[in-house]
Amino acid sequence: MKIKLIFGLALLLIACSEPYIFSEVSIKGGSLPPFNKNVKDPAIGAFAPVPTGIDLEGNSVTISTRKSTEQKKATMIVFLAHWCSHCQREVPMIQKWIKENGYPENINIYSVASHIDKTMPNYPPNEWLSREEWSVPVIFDDKNNSVAEAFGLPGFPFWVFINEDGTVNLRHTGSLGSDTFEKIITAGIQ
């Protein structure tokens, strides 16, 4: 009995000392097929899922083409992993652009922190994004990576561009780089 009690207390201490708690997420709508850059994307024109999760401050965030009561806008989502070297370069690039230019008026930008793994570098993701002064609304995926799965994520970073009507315009895996990012923001999602 003593061994069970000591073991139980040890597990409780480990659980309480965990610096990151996975978000609970909900997803409205159907999932997109897995993305494969080598074939025509079957998700183009399909309605994107609408996920809700928790942000850096513990607030509920819904990724949608509409923020509160404002008019619908095209939406850009970047999926990030704290251990991904490309993501670690993409985050400061995006943040620098936002600091220099402000948020674009024509596009909503969101991010999803997914595939969270405490055995990998740059853990926990909330501390990483705070250090980067990340101002893009972010939701943290659950233990099953449900949001990433719903969008058909193949790797990181993963970009999903959504039209004003909620349909997928384009999906892209890999870094965009500052020039491409700026072109998309300037031109809008078309």
C-alpha atoms as a PDB file:
ATOM      1  CA  MET A   1       0.000   0.000   0.000  1.00  0.00           C
ATOM      2  CA  LYS A   2       2.840   2.417   0.867  1.00  0.00           C
ATOM      3  CA  ILE A   3       4.517   1.754  -2.479  1.00  0.00           C
ATOM      4  CA  LYS A   4       1.289   2.548  -4.363  1.00  0.00           C
ATOM      5  CA  LEU A   5       0.859   5.766  -2.382  1.00  0.00           C
ATOM      6  CA  ILE A   6       4.461   6.862  -2.975  1.00  0.00           C
ATOM      7  CA  PHE A   7       4.193   5.979  -6.681  1.00  0.00           C
ATOM      8  CA  GLY A   8       0.914   7.906  -6.942  1.00  0.00           C
ATOM      9  CA  LEU A   9       2.415  10.969  -5.253  1.00  0.00           C
ATOM     10  CA  ALA A  10       5.455  10.816  -7.540  1.00  0.00           C
ATOM     11  CA  LEU A  11       3.196  10.759 -10.618  1.00  0.00           C
ATOM     12  CA  LEU A  12       1.199  13.683  -9.237  1.00  0.00           C
ATOM     13  CA  LEU A  13       4.375  15.713  -8.678  1.00  0.00           C
ATOM     14  CA  ILE A  14       5.580  14.988 -12.196  1.00  0.00           C
ATOM     15  CA  ALA A  15       2.206  15.962 -13.657  1.00  0.00           C
ATOM     16  CA  CYS A  16       2.088  19.172 -11.624  1.00  0.00           C
ATOM     17  CA  SER A  17       5.618  20.141 -12.619  1.00  0.00           C
ATOM     18  CA  GLU A  18       4.857  19.802 -16.336  1.00  0.00           C
ATOM     19  CA  PRO A  19       5.380  23.312 -17.815  1.00  0.00           C
ATOM     20  CA  TYR A  20       2.942  22.777 -20.672  1.00  0.00           C
ATOM     21  CA  ILE A  21      -0.609  21.509 -20.635  1.00  0.00           C
ATOM     22  CA  PHE A  22      -2.130  20.478 -23.944  1.00  0.00           C
ATOM     23  CA  SER A  23      -5.032  22.490 -25.226  1.00  0.00           C
ATOM     24  CA  GLU A  24      -8.473  21.098 -25.694  1.00  0.00           C
ATOM     25  CA  VAL A  25      -9.626  21.790 -29.214  1.00  0.00           C
ATOM     26  CA  SER A  26     -12.895  21.510 -31.073  1.00  0.00           C
ATOM     27  CA  ILE A  27     -13.244  21.381 -34.821  1.00  0.00           C
ATOM     28  CA  LYS A  28     -16.343  22.204 -36.852  1.00  0.00           C
ATOM     29  CA  GLY A  29     -16.663  20.865 -40.355  1.00  0.00           C
ATOM     30  CA  GLY A  30     -14.983  17.994 -42.115  1.00  0.00           C
ATOM     31  CA  SER A  31     -11.294  17.237 -42.412  1.00  0.00           C
ATOM     32  CA  LEU A  32      -9.257  17.990 -45.506  1.00  0.00           C
ATOM     33  CA  PRO A  33      -7.397  15.179 -47.271  1.00  0.00           C
ATOM     34  CA  PRO A  34      -3.679  14.852 -46.490  1.00  0.00           C
ATOM     35  CA  PHE A  35      -1.582  17.305 -48.494  1.00  0.00           C
ATOM     36  CA  ASN A  36       0.825  15.929 -51.091  1.00  0.00           C
ATOM     37  CA  LYS A  37       2.813  18.557 -52.993  1.00  0.00           C
ATOM     38  CA  ASN A  38       3.377  16.111 -55.870  1.00  0.00           C
ATOM     39  CA  VAL A  39      -0.286  15.911 -56.912  1.00  0.00           C
ATOM     40  CA  LYS A  40      -3.071  18.399 -57.593  1.00  0.00           C
ATOM     41  CA  ASP A  41      -4.462  19.334 -54.191  1.00  0.00           C
ATOM     42  CA  PRO A  42      -7.986  17.871 -53.797  1.00  0.00           C
ATOM     43  CA  ALA A  43      -8.663  20.304 -50.922  1.00  0.00           C
ATOM     44  CA  ILE A  44      -8.748  23.337 -53.228  1.00  0.00           C
ATOM     45  CA  GLY A  45     -12.299  24.674 -53.181  1.00  0.00           C
ATOM     46  CA  ALA A  46     -13.327  22.552 -50.178  1.00  0.00           C
ATOM     47  CA  PHE A  47     -14.550  24.242 -47.013  1.00  0.00           C
ATOM     48  CA  ALA A  48     -11.805  24.464 -44.416  1.00  0.00           C
ATOM     49  CA  PRO A  49     -12.397  23.100 -40.917  1.00  0.00           C
ATOM     50  CA  VAL A  50     -13.019  25.728 -38.225  1.00  0.00           C
ATOM     51  CA  PRO A  51     -10.939  24.912 -35.132  1.00  0.00           C
ATOM     52  CA  THR A  52     -11.199  26.472 -31.684  1.00  0.00           C
ATOM     53  CA  GLY A  53      -8.437  26.212 -29.105  1.00  0.00           C
ATOM     54  CA  ILE A  54      -6.542  28.101 -26.410  1.00  0.00           C
ATOM     55  CA  ASP A  55      -4.017  30.892 -27.055  1.00  0.00           C
ATOM     56  CA  LEU A  56      -0.889  32.050 -25.164  1.00  0.00           C
ATOM     57  CA  GLU A  57      -2.999  33.846 -22.534  1.00  0.00           C
ATOM     58  CA  GLY A  58      -5.484  31.016 -22.049  1.00  0.00           C
ATOM     59  CA  ASN A  59      -8.214  32.647 -24.138  1.00  0.00           C
ATOM     60  CA  SER A  60     -10.415  30.757 -26.550  1.00  0.00           C
ATOM     61  CA  VAL A  61      -9.572  31.460 -30.211  1.00  0.00           C
ATOM     62  CA  THR A  62     -11.499  30.309 -33.276  1.00  0.00           C
ATOM     63  CA  ILE A  63      -9.684  30.253 -36.599  1.00  0.00           C
ATOM     64  CA  SER A  64     -12.172  31.576 -39.097  1.00  0.00           C
ATOM     65  CA  THR A  65     -12.513  33.980 -42.004  1.00  0.00           C
ATOM     66  CA  ARG A  66     -14.393  36.287 -39.633  1.00  0.00           C
ATOM     67  CA  LYS A  67     -13.005  37.842 -36.441  1.00  0.00           C
ATOM     68  CA  SER A  68     -15.920  38.781 -34.145  1.00  0.00           C
ATOM     69  CA  THR A  69     -18.348  40.982 -36.088  1.00  0.00           C
ATOM     70  CA  GLU A  70     -16.003  42.328 -38.750  1.00  0.00           C
ATOM     71  CA  GLN A  71     -16.415  41.590 -42.424  1.00  0.00           C
ATOM     72  CA  LYS A  72     -15.119  38.262 -43.692  1.00  0.00           C
ATOM     73  CA  LYS A  73     -11.516  38.255 -44.891  1.00  0.00           C
ATOM     74  CA  ALA A  74      -9.198  35.801 -46.526  1.00  0.00           C
ATOM     75  CA  THR A  75      -7.252  33.854 -43.907  1.00  0.00           C
ATOM     76  CA  MET A  76      -3.685  32.607 -43.687  1.00  0.00           C
ATOM     77  CA  ILE A  77      -2.799  29.855 -41.194  1.00  0.00           C
ATOM     78  CA  VAL A  78       0.733  28.736 -40.437  1.00  0.00           C
ATOM     79  CA  PHE A  79       1.240  25.457 -38.581  1.00  0.00           C
ATOM     80  CA  LEU A  80       4.374  25.486 -36.435  1.00  0.00           C
ATOM     81  CA  ALA A  81       6.365  22.983 -34.397  1.00  0.00           C
ATOM     82  CA  HIS A  82       8.636  24.239 -31.624  1.00  0.00           C
ATOM     83  CA  TRP A  83      11.370  21.798 -32.705  1.00  0.00           C
ATOM     84  CA  CYS A  84      11.256  22.669 -36.428  1.00  0.00           C
ATOM     85  CA  SER A  85      14.299  24.673 -37.553  1.00  0.00           C
ATOM     86  CA  HIS A  86      12.362  26.162 -40.489  1.00  0.00           C
ATOM     87  CA  CYS A  87       9.596  27.294 -38.107  1.00  0.00           C
ATOM     88  CA  GLN A  88      12.196  28.864 -35.826  1.00  0.00           C
ATOM     89  CA  ARG A  89      13.285  31.043 -38.777  1.00  0.00           C
ATOM     90  CA  GLU A  90       9.766  31.706 -40.069  1.00  0.00           C
ATOM     91  CA  VAL A  91       8.360  33.009 -36.766  1.00  0.00           C
ATOM     92  CA  PRO A  92      10.819  35.929 -36.351  1.00  0.00           C
ATOM     93  CA  MET A  93      10.512  36.750 -40.064  1.00  0.00           C
ATOM     94  CA  ILE A  94       6.717  37.045 -39.796  1.00  0.00           C
ATOM     95  CA  GLN A  95       6.906  38.939 -36.507  1.00  0.00           C
ATOM     96  CA  LYS A  96       9.440  41.401 -37.944  1.00  0.00           C
ATOM     97  CA  TRP A  97       7.158  42.034 -40.923  1.00  0.00           C
ATOM     98  CA  ILE A  98       4.199  42.690 -38.601  1.00  0.00           C
ATOM     99  CA  LYS A  99       6.240  45.060 -36.393  1.00  0.00           C
ATOM    100  CA  GLU A 100       7.374  47.018 -39.445  1.00  0.00           C
ATOM    101  CA  ASN A 101       4.064  47.042 -41.335  1.00  0.00           C
ATOM    102  CA  GLY A 102       1.286  46.297 -38.851  1.00  0.00           C
ATOM    103  CA  TYR A 103      -1.357  43.657 -39.390  1.00  0.00           C
ATOM    104  CA  PRO A 104      -2.627  43.483 -42.950  1.00  0.00           C
ATOM    105  CA  GLU A 105      -6.126  44.823 -43.434  1.00  0.00           C
ATOM    106  CA  ASN A 106      -6.992  42.328 -46.166  1.00  0.00           C
ATOM    107  CA  ILE A 107      -6.010  39.025 -44.484  1.00  0.00           C
ATOM    108  CA  ASN A 108      -6.496  37.378 -41.091  1.00  0.00           C
ATOM    109  CA  ILE A 109      -3.336  35.628 -39.909  1.00  0.00           C
ATOM    110  CA  TYR A 110      -3.457  32.737 -37.435  1.00  0.00           C
ATOM    111  CA  SER A 111      -1.041  30.098 -36.239  1.00  0.00           C
ATOM    112  CA  VAL A 112      -1.334  26.618 -34.777  1.00  0.00           C
ATOM    113  CA  ALA A 113       1.361  25.124 -32.535  1.00  0.00           C
ATOM    114  CA  SER A 114       1.215  21.381 -33.131  1.00  0.00           C
ATOM    115  CA  HIS A 115       3.153  18.134 -32.634  1.00  0.00           C
ATOM    116  CA  ILE A 116       4.283  19.299 -29.210  1.00  0.00           C
ATOM    117  CA  ASP A 117       6.976  17.036 -27.766  1.00  0.00           C
ATOM    118  CA  LYS A 118       8.745  17.660 -24.468  1.00  0.00           C
ATOM    119  CA  THR A 119      11.718  15.546 -25.585  1.00  0.00           C
ATOM    120  CA  MET A 120      12.451  17.907 -28.490  1.00  0.00           C
ATOM    121  CA  PRO A 121      14.282  21.275 -28.542  1.00  0.00           C
ATOM    122  CA  ASN A 122      12.605  24.607 -27.839  1.00  0.00           C
ATOM    123  CA  TYR A 123      10.015  23.078 -25.517  1.00  0.00           C
ATOM    124  CA  PRO A 124       7.519  24.275 -24.351  1.00  0.00           C
ATOM    125  CA  PRO A 125       6.065  26.080 -27.366  1.00  0.00           C
ATOM    126  CA  ASN A 126       4.281  28.748 -25.337  1.00  0.00           C
ATOM    127  CA  GLU A 127       7.628  29.911 -23.899  1.00  0.00           C
ATOM    128  CA  TRP A 128       9.259  29.848 -27.352  1.00  0.00           C
ATOM    129  CA  LEU A 129       6.500  31.971 -28.888  1.00  0.00           C
ATOM    130  CA  SER A 130       6.568  34.367 -25.923  1.00  0.00           C
ATOM    131  CA  ARG A 131      10.342  34.805 -26.317  1.00  0.00           C
ATOM    132  CA  GLU A 132       9.767  35.627 -29.985  1.00  0.00           C
ATOM    133  CA  GLU A 133       7.096  38.187 -28.943  1.00  0.00           C
ATOM    134  CA  TRP A 134       4.707  36.328 -31.253  1.00  0.00           C
ATOM    135  CA  SER A 135       1.663  38.541 -31.789  1.00  0.00           C
ATOM    136  CA  VAL A 136      -0.144  36.346 -34.317  1.00  0.00           C
ATOM    137  CA  PRO A 137      -3.174  34.664 -32.742  1.00  0.00           C
ATOM    138  CA  VAL A 138      -2.182  31.071 -31.974  1.00  0.00           C
ATOM    139  CA  ILE A 139      -3.973  27.989 -30.788  1.00  0.00           C
ATOM    140  CA  PHE A 140      -2.204  25.032 -29.273  1.00  0.00           C
ATOM    141  CA  ASP A 141      -3.129  21.662 -30.716  1.00  0.00           C
ATOM    142  CA  ASP A 142      -4.167  18.733 -28.535  1.00  0.00           C
ATOM    143  CA  LYS A 143      -2.166  15.572 -27.794  1.00  0.00           C
ATOM    144  CA  ASN A 144      -3.600  13.901 -30.897  1.00  0.00           C
ATOM    145  CA  ASN A 145      -2.668  16.826 -33.170  1.00  0.00           C
ATOM    146  CA  SER A 146      -6.327  17.037 -34.173  1.00  0.00           C
ATOM    147  CA  VAL A 147      -6.134  20.470 -35.804  1.00  0.00           C
ATOM    148  CA  ALA A 148      -3.084  19.503 -37.868  1.00  0.00           C
ATOM    149  CA  GLU A 149      -4.786  16.270 -38.925  1.00  0.00           C
ATOM    150  CA  ALA A 150      -7.990  18.112 -39.870  1.00  0.00           C
ATOM    151  CA  PHE A 151      -6.013  20.339 -42.255  1.00  0.00           C
ATOM    152  CA  GLY A 152      -4.007  17.438 -43.762  1.00  0.00           C
ATOM    153  CA  LEU A 153      -0.606  18.549 -42.467  1.00  0.00           C
ATOM    154  CA  PRO A 154       2.361  16.702 -44.029  1.00  0.00           C
ATOM    155  CA  GLY A 155       5.232  18.625 -42.378  1.00  0.00           C
ATOM    156  CA  PHE A 156       6.365  21.963 -40.971  1.00  0.00           C
ATOM    157  CA  PRO A 157       5.884  24.760 -41.507  1.00  0.00           C
ATOM    158  CA  PHE A 158       2.568  24.181 -43.205  1.00  0.00           C
ATOM    159  CA  TRP A 159       0.574  27.029 -44.693  1.00  0.00           C
ATOM    160  CA  VAL A 160      -3.139  27.046 -45.491  1.00  0.00           C
ATOM    161  CA  PHE A 161      -4.671  29.954 -47.400  1.00  0.00           C
ATOM    162  CA  ILE A 162      -8.440  30.293 -47.157  1.00  0.00           C
ATOM    163  CA  ASN A 163     -10.737  32.438 -49.298  1.00  0.00           C
ATOM    164  CA  GLU A 164     -13.257  34.830 -47.754  1.00  0.00           C
ATOM    165  CA  ASP A 165     -16.012  32.250 -48.270  1.00  0.00           C
ATOM    166  CA  GLY A 166     -14.152  29.680 -46.134  1.00  0.00           C
ATOM    167  CA  THR A 167     -12.904  27.507 -48.993  1.00  0.00           C
ATOM    168  CA  VAL A 168      -9.289  26.440 -49.346  1.00  0.00           C
ATOM    169  CA  ASN A 169      -7.335  28.481 -51.884  1.00  0.00           C
ATOM    170  CA  LEU A 170      -3.901  26.910 -51.453  1.00  0.00           C
ATOM    171  CA  ARG A 171      -1.851  24.701 -49.128  1.00  0.00           C
ATOM    172  CA  HIS A 172       1.932  24.809 -48.984  1.00  0.00           C
ATOM    173  CA  THR A 173       4.535  22.965 -46.932  1.00  0.00           C
ATOM    174  CA  GLY A 174       7.928  24.482 -46.209  1.00  0.00           C
ATOM    175  CA  SER A 175       9.260  27.961 -45.577  1.00  0.00           C
ATOM    176  CA  LEU A 176       7.806  30.870 -47.504  1.00  0.00           C
ATOM    177  CA  GLY A 177      10.600  33.342 -46.896  1.00  0.00           C
ATOM    178  CA  SER A 178      10.117  37.068 -46.456  1.00  0.00           C
ATOM    179  CA  ASP A 179       9.735  37.938 -50.166  1.00  0.00           C
ATOM    180  CA  THR A 180       6.982  35.387 -50.801  1.00  0.00           C
ATOM    181  CA  PHE A 181       5.267  36.227 -47.504  1.00  0.00           C
ATOM    182  CA  GLU A 182       5.198  39.918 -48.411  1.00  0.00           C
ATOM    183  CA  LYS A 183       3.906  39.208 -51.939  1.00  0.00           C
ATOM    184  CA  ILE A 184       1.017  37.161 -50.530  1.00  0.00           C
ATOM    185  CA  ILE A 185       0.145  39.780 -47.925  1.00  0.00           C
ATOM    186  CA  THR A 186       0.373  42.615 -50.452  1.00  0.00           C
ATOM    187  CA  ALA A 187      -1.607  40.873 -53.205  1.00  0.00           C
ATOM    188  CA  GLY A 188      -4.038  39.142 -50.898  1.00  0.00           C
ATOM    189  CA  ILE A 189      -5.177  35.576 -51.303  1.00  0.00           C
ATOM    190  CA  GLN A 190      -6.488  35.159 -54.836  1.00  0.00           C
END
